[in-house]
Structures are given as structure tokens and as C-alpha cells.
């Protein structure tokens, strides 16, 4: 099975999330093994595994949103009468766009407020940890914008079909 660069780029959020999850698991396993086998671990393992886990969670949550794997969103769009489902989907997309966009704004403010802060063990800028928030929610905002565009087209298409008497399924 070969993967093309286009496949990798189209699933970049999954690749990044999976990469950081692998780093988390690998560092934790190596550190636990060293601790039990040699009675001493890697001093930076906790910081690296925590940072990798943070990146995995925020970028992975964006990937889950892209694939509509958040159960609350799927549940809400399936309630209500069939003719209103397209309208409910557009309203949810608008709400998700506003919320995610606001969190992106707040995460930028958070990064700016902590721009001089450094991590305690590795002494690297905390920007690299906090940037996971901005990247994850920016991806979610972009996906919400795409879903809004797609669902709005469905809503407009359904209304046109209803006016012409064609049943929308």
C-alpha cells in the first residue's frame, strides 16, 4: 500500500495527531521500562509525553470534527422534523464557527500573554506547547466554515426543490 503526498496532505491532521500519539506512547513505555529495569528514568520524559499528548488531543479533536465523530453534533443534527434538519445543520455550523473562531482568538491572546514563559525541564519556549490549542481550533474553524458552506448549499438546494415540488431525500 503506497501513500501519495496528496493523501498525506489531505489527512495531515490525522498524520500529526498519530505522530504525537506515537511519541507519547513510545516515551512513556521507554521511561517506565528504564525506571523498573534500571531504577532510573529519563528526566524529560514527562514533559515530552505531556506536550505530545496535548498536540495529539487538540489536532486529533479537529480530525474527529472533520469526520463528524463528535457524538453531540451528530445527535443534534438528527433530531427534529426532516424539513428542518438542513436548517438545524446550518445553525449548528454557524455556532461552531463562532465558538471555534473565538477560541482561536483566545488562544492567540494566551500565547501572547505567556510568550516569555519557558518549560521547566527542557527550557524551551512554552509557545510550542500552547500552539497546539491554536492549531487545533484553527483547523476546527476551517472545517466549520466548510461545513457551513456545504450545509447552506444543501439548505438552499432543498428550498429550491421544495418550490418545484421535487421531494428532497
C-alpha atoms as a PDB file:
ATOM      1  CA  UNK A   1       0.000   0.000   0.000  1.00  0.00           C
ATOM      2  CA  UNK A   2       1.551   3.257  -1.081  1.00  0.00           C
ATOM      3  CA  UNK A   3       0.564   6.658   0.171  1.00  0.00           C
ATOM      4  CA  UNK A   4       0.830   9.613  -2.108  1.00  0.00           C
ATOM      5  CA  UNK A   5       1.775  13.107  -0.955  1.00  0.00           C
ATOM      6  CA  UNK A   6      -1.788  14.198  -1.770  1.00  0.00           C
ATOM      7  CA  UNK A   7      -3.206  11.569   0.616  1.00  0.00           C
ATOM      8  CA  UNK A   8      -0.801  12.650   3.339  1.00  0.00           C
ATOM      9  CA  UNK A   9      -1.662  16.322   2.889  1.00  0.00           C
ATOM     10  CA  UNK A  10      -5.393  15.661   2.811  1.00  0.00           C
ATOM     11  CA  UNK A  11      -5.069  13.745   6.085  1.00  0.00           C
ATOM     12  CA  UNK A  12      -2.396  15.917   7.655  1.00  0.00           C
ATOM     13  CA  UNK A  13      -4.383  16.372  10.853  1.00  0.00           C
ATOM     14  CA  UNK A  14      -4.545  12.597  11.297  1.00  0.00           C
ATOM     15  CA  UNK A  15      -0.856  12.205  10.496  1.00  0.00           C
ATOM     16  CA  UNK A  16       0.161  14.885  13.007  1.00  0.00           C
ATOM     17  CA  UNK A  17      -2.128  13.536  15.699  1.00  0.00           C
ATOM     18  CA  UNK A  18      -0.951   9.972  15.130  1.00  0.00           C
ATOM     19  CA  UNK A  19       2.689  11.045  15.150  1.00  0.00           C
ATOM     20  CA  UNK A  20       2.350  12.795  18.503  1.00  0.00           C
ATOM     21  CA  UNK A  21       0.377   9.891  19.944  1.00  0.00           C
ATOM     22  CA  UNK A  22       3.175   7.519  18.918  1.00  0.00           C
ATOM     23  CA  UNK A  23       5.747   9.820  20.537  1.00  0.00           C
ATOM     24  CA  UNK A  24       3.675   9.875  23.740  1.00  0.00           C
ATOM     25  CA  UNK A  25       3.353   6.110  23.914  1.00  0.00           C
ATOM     26  CA  UNK A  26       6.992   5.475  22.999  1.00  0.00           C
ATOM     27  CA  UNK A  27       8.401   7.908  25.570  1.00  0.00           C
ATOM     28  CA  UNK A  28       6.148   6.583  28.333  1.00  0.00           C
ATOM     29  CA  UNK A  29       6.984   2.934  27.591  1.00  0.00           C
ATOM     30  CA  UNK A  30      10.715   3.621  27.438  1.00  0.00           C
ATOM     31  CA  UNK A  31      10.621   5.650  30.649  1.00  0.00           C
ATOM     32  CA  UNK A  32       8.618   3.022  32.556  1.00  0.00           C
ATOM     33  CA  UNK A  33      10.947   0.280  31.329  1.00  0.00           C
ATOM     34  CA  UNK A  34      14.028   2.238  32.370  1.00  0.00           C
ATOM     35  CA  UNK A  35      12.518   3.010  35.742  1.00  0.00           C
ATOM     36  CA  UNK A  36      11.750  -0.618  36.552  1.00  0.00           C
ATOM     37  CA  UNK A  37      14.776  -2.220  34.900  1.00  0.00           C
ATOM     38  CA  UNK A  38      17.466   0.278  35.846  1.00  0.00           C
ATOM     39  CA  UNK A  39      15.821   2.165  38.757  1.00  0.00           C
ATOM     40  CA  UNK A  40      16.094   5.468  36.957  1.00  0.00           C
ATOM     41  CA  UNK A  41      14.159   7.108  34.160  1.00  0.00           C
ATOM     42  CA  UNK A  42      14.585   9.889  31.659  1.00  0.00           C
ATOM     43  CA  UNK A  43      14.239  13.244  33.420  1.00  0.00           C
ATOM     44  CA  UNK A  44      12.494  14.922  30.475  1.00  0.00           C
ATOM     45  CA  UNK A  45      10.062  12.097  29.663  1.00  0.00           C
ATOM     46  CA  UNK A  46       7.069  13.556  31.482  1.00  0.00           C
ATOM     47  CA  UNK A  47       7.352  16.927  29.776  1.00  0.00           C
ATOM     48  CA  UNK A  48       7.811  15.453  26.303  1.00  0.00           C
ATOM     49  CA  UNK A  49       4.977  12.953  26.722  1.00  0.00           C
ATOM     50  CA  UNK A  50       2.629  15.610  28.109  1.00  0.00           C
ATOM     51  CA  UNK A  51       3.423  18.026  25.283  1.00  0.00           C
ATOM     52  CA  UNK A  52       2.988  15.285  22.676  1.00  0.00           C
ATOM     53  CA  UNK A  53      -0.291  14.243  24.244  1.00  0.00           C
ATOM     54  CA  UNK A  54      -1.567  17.837  24.186  1.00  0.00           C
ATOM     55  CA  UNK A  55      -0.753  18.106  20.475  1.00  0.00           C
ATOM     56  CA  UNK A  56      -2.366  14.735  19.797  1.00  0.00           C
ATOM     57  CA  UNK A  57      -5.563  15.700  21.603  1.00  0.00           C
ATOM     58  CA  UNK A  58      -6.098  19.116  20.016  1.00  0.00           C
ATOM     59  CA  UNK A  59      -5.163  18.174  16.458  1.00  0.00           C
ATOM     60  CA  UNK A  60      -6.989  14.845  16.854  1.00  0.00           C
ATOM     61  CA  UNK A  61     -10.137  16.616  18.022  1.00  0.00           C
ATOM     62  CA  UNK A  62     -10.045  18.686  14.827  1.00  0.00           C
ATOM     63  CA  UNK A  63      -9.761  15.472  12.808  1.00  0.00           C
ATOM     64  CA  UNK A  64     -12.665  13.987  14.745  1.00  0.00           C
ATOM     65  CA  UNK A  65     -14.725  17.090  13.988  1.00  0.00           C
ATOM     66  CA  UNK A  66     -13.848  16.840  10.309  1.00  0.00           C
ATOM     67  CA  UNK A  67     -15.181  13.271  10.214  1.00  0.00           C
ATOM     68  CA  UNK A  68     -18.251  14.213  12.315  1.00  0.00           C
ATOM     69  CA  UNK A  69     -17.165  11.859  15.093  1.00  0.00           C
ATOM     70  CA  UNK A  70     -18.238  14.129  17.956  1.00  0.00           C
ATOM     71  CA  UNK A  71     -21.445  12.485  19.132  1.00  0.00           C
ATOM     72  CA  UNK A  72     -23.172  15.664  20.288  1.00  0.00           C
ATOM     73  CA  UNK A  73     -23.007  17.292  16.874  1.00  0.00           C
ATOM     74  CA  UNK A  74     -24.317  14.206  15.103  1.00  0.00           C
ATOM     75  CA  UNK A  75     -27.121  13.775  17.622  1.00  0.00           C
ATOM     76  CA  UNK A  76     -28.374  17.348  17.343  1.00  0.00           C
ATOM     77  CA  UNK A  77     -28.425  17.352  13.548  1.00  0.00           C
ATOM     78  CA  UNK A  78     -30.556  14.198  13.503  1.00  0.00           C
ATOM     79  CA  UNK A  79     -33.333  15.486  15.767  1.00  0.00           C
ATOM     80  CA  UNK A  80     -36.345  17.359  14.567  1.00  0.00           C
ATOM     81  CA  UNK A  81     -38.506  17.027  11.509  1.00  0.00           C
ATOM     82  CA  UNK A  82     -36.794  16.169   8.238  1.00  0.00           C
ATOM     83  CA  UNK A  83     -37.513  19.516   6.534  1.00  0.00           C
ATOM     84  CA  UNK A  84     -35.820  21.391   9.401  1.00  0.00           C
ATOM     85  CA  UNK A  85     -32.683  19.237   9.559  1.00  0.00           C
ATOM     86  CA  UNK A  86     -30.856  21.294   6.935  1.00  0.00           C
ATOM     87  CA  UNK A  87     -31.685  24.489   8.821  1.00  0.00           C
ATOM     88  CA  UNK A  88     -30.562  22.934  12.131  1.00  0.00           C
ATOM     89  CA  UNK A  89     -27.291  21.866  10.484  1.00  0.00           C
ATOM     90  CA  UNK A  90     -26.659  25.411   9.227  1.00  0.00           C
ATOM     91  CA  UNK A  91     -27.397  26.877  12.665  1.00  0.00           C
ATOM     92  CA  UNK A  92     -25.043  24.402  14.341  1.00  0.00           C
ATOM     93  CA  UNK A  93     -22.349  25.181  11.769  1.00  0.00           C
ATOM     94  CA  UNK A  94     -22.723  28.909  12.487  1.00  0.00           C
ATOM     95  CA  UNK A  95     -22.493  28.247  16.211  1.00  0.00           C
ATOM     96  CA  UNK A  96     -19.431  26.015  15.816  1.00  0.00           C
ATOM     97  CA  UNK A  97     -17.774  28.598  13.558  1.00  0.00           C
ATOM     98  CA  UNK A  98     -18.341  31.335  16.131  1.00  0.00           C
ATOM     99  CA  UNK A  99     -17.214  29.255  19.117  1.00  0.00           C
ATOM    100  CA  UNK A 100     -14.109  27.841  17.434  1.00  0.00           C
ATOM    101  CA  UNK A 101     -13.171  31.217  15.988  1.00  0.00           C
ATOM    102  CA  UNK A 102     -13.480  32.788  19.428  1.00  0.00           C
ATOM    103  CA  UNK A 103     -11.313  30.073  20.981  1.00  0.00           C
ATOM    104  CA  UNK A 104      -8.674  30.696  18.282  1.00  0.00           C
ATOM    105  CA  UNK A 105      -8.718  34.367  19.247  1.00  0.00           C
ATOM    106  CA  UNK A 106      -8.419  33.494  22.961  1.00  0.00           C
ATOM    107  CA  UNK A 107      -5.594  31.049  22.285  1.00  0.00           C
ATOM    108  CA  UNK A 108      -3.657  33.758  20.445  1.00  0.00           C
ATOM    109  CA  UNK A 109      -4.133  36.057  23.436  1.00  0.00           C
ATOM    110  CA  UNK A 110      -2.990  33.228  25.718  1.00  0.00           C
ATOM    111  CA  UNK A 111       0.154  32.682  23.668  1.00  0.00           C
ATOM    112  CA  UNK A 112       0.912  36.399  23.693  1.00  0.00           C
ATOM    113  CA  UNK A 113       0.418  36.594  27.457  1.00  0.00           C
ATOM    114  CA  UNK A 114       2.820  33.682  28.003  1.00  0.00           C
ATOM    115  CA  UNK A 115       5.325  34.484  25.280  1.00  0.00           C
ATOM    116  CA  UNK A 116       8.241  34.707  27.710  1.00  0.00           C
ATOM    117  CA  UNK A 117       7.359  31.589  29.670  1.00  0.00           C
ATOM    118  CA  UNK A 118       9.575  28.538  29.238  1.00  0.00           C
ATOM    119  CA  UNK A 119       9.020  24.901  30.090  1.00  0.00           C
ATOM    120  CA  UNK A 120      10.525  23.840  33.413  1.00  0.00           C
ATOM    121  CA  UNK A 121      12.619  20.835  32.386  1.00  0.00           C
ATOM    122  CA  UNK A 122      13.667  21.319  28.762  1.00  0.00           C
ATOM    123  CA  UNK A 123      13.663  25.116  28.992  1.00  0.00           C
ATOM    124  CA  UNK A 124      12.038  25.547  25.580  1.00  0.00           C
ATOM    125  CA  UNK A 125       9.505  28.311  24.890  1.00  0.00           C
ATOM    126  CA  UNK A 126       6.027  27.380  26.103  1.00  0.00           C
ATOM    127  CA  UNK A 127       4.827  28.644  22.727  1.00  0.00           C
ATOM    128  CA  UNK A 128       5.477  25.183  21.294  1.00  0.00           C
ATOM    129  CA  UNK A 129       3.105  23.625  23.797  1.00  0.00           C
ATOM    130  CA  UNK A 130       0.438  26.342  23.681  1.00  0.00           C
ATOM    131  CA  UNK A 131       0.423  26.475  19.886  1.00  0.00           C
ATOM    132  CA  UNK A 132      -1.410  23.138  19.861  1.00  0.00           C
ATOM    133  CA  UNK A 133      -4.526  24.973  21.024  1.00  0.00           C
ATOM    134  CA  UNK A 134      -4.330  27.477  18.192  1.00  0.00           C
ATOM    135  CA  UNK A 135      -3.593  24.862  15.525  1.00  0.00           C
ATOM    136  CA  UNK A 136      -6.364  22.516  16.674  1.00  0.00           C
ATOM    137  CA  UNK A 137      -9.054  25.164  16.919  1.00  0.00           C
ATOM    138  CA  UNK A 138      -7.960  26.870  13.694  1.00  0.00           C
ATOM    139  CA  UNK A 139      -8.434  23.559  11.910  1.00  0.00           C
ATOM    140  CA  UNK A 140     -11.842  23.179  13.540  1.00  0.00           C
ATOM    141  CA  UNK A 141     -12.759  26.709  12.432  1.00  0.00           C
ATOM    142  CA  UNK A 142     -11.750  25.948   8.847  1.00  0.00           C
ATOM    143  CA  UNK A 143     -13.755  22.711   8.917  1.00  0.00           C
ATOM    144  CA  UNK A 144     -16.753  24.534  10.413  1.00  0.00           C
ATOM    145  CA  UNK A 145     -16.561  27.089   7.608  1.00  0.00           C
ATOM    146  CA  UNK A 146     -16.509  24.280   5.042  1.00  0.00           C
ATOM    147  CA  UNK A 147     -19.455  22.519   6.740  1.00  0.00           C
ATOM    148  CA  UNK A 148     -21.386  25.797   6.812  1.00  0.00           C
ATOM    149  CA  UNK A 149     -20.800  26.279   3.096  1.00  0.00           C
ATOM    150  CA  UNK A 150     -21.798  22.694   2.326  1.00  0.00           C
ATOM    151  CA  UNK A 151     -24.894  22.667   4.556  1.00  0.00           C
ATOM    152  CA  UNK A 152     -26.016  26.090   3.354  1.00  0.00           C
ATOM    153  CA  UNK A 153     -25.878  24.820  -0.222  1.00  0.00           C
ATOM    154  CA  UNK A 154     -27.973  21.817   0.848  1.00  0.00           C
ATOM    155  CA  UNK A 155     -30.458  24.130   2.550  1.00  0.00           C
ATOM    156  CA  UNK A 156     -30.765  26.376  -0.489  1.00  0.00           C
ATOM    157  CA  UNK A 157     -30.977  23.354  -2.790  1.00  0.00           C
ATOM    158  CA  UNK A 158     -33.707  21.821  -0.641  1.00  0.00           C
ATOM    159  CA  UNK A 159     -35.723  25.034  -0.693  1.00  0.00           C
ATOM    160  CA  UNK A 160     -35.468  25.263  -4.476  1.00  0.00           C
ATOM    161  CA  UNK A 161     -36.535  21.639  -4.848  1.00  0.00           C
ATOM    162  CA  UNK A 162     -39.448  22.158  -2.440  1.00  0.00           C
ATOM    163  CA  UNK A 163     -40.692  25.081  -4.530  1.00  0.00           C
ATOM    164  CA  UNK A 164     -40.615  22.966  -7.673  1.00  0.00           C
ATOM    165  CA  UNK A 165     -42.411  20.082  -5.953  1.00  0.00           C
ATOM    166  CA  UNK A 166     -39.456  17.658  -6.080  1.00  0.00           C
ATOM    167  CA  UNK A 167     -39.083  15.648  -2.885  1.00  0.00           C
ATOM    168  CA  UNK A 168     -35.734  16.092  -1.152  1.00  0.00           C
ATOM    169  CA  UNK A 169     -34.228  12.968   0.364  1.00  0.00           C
END
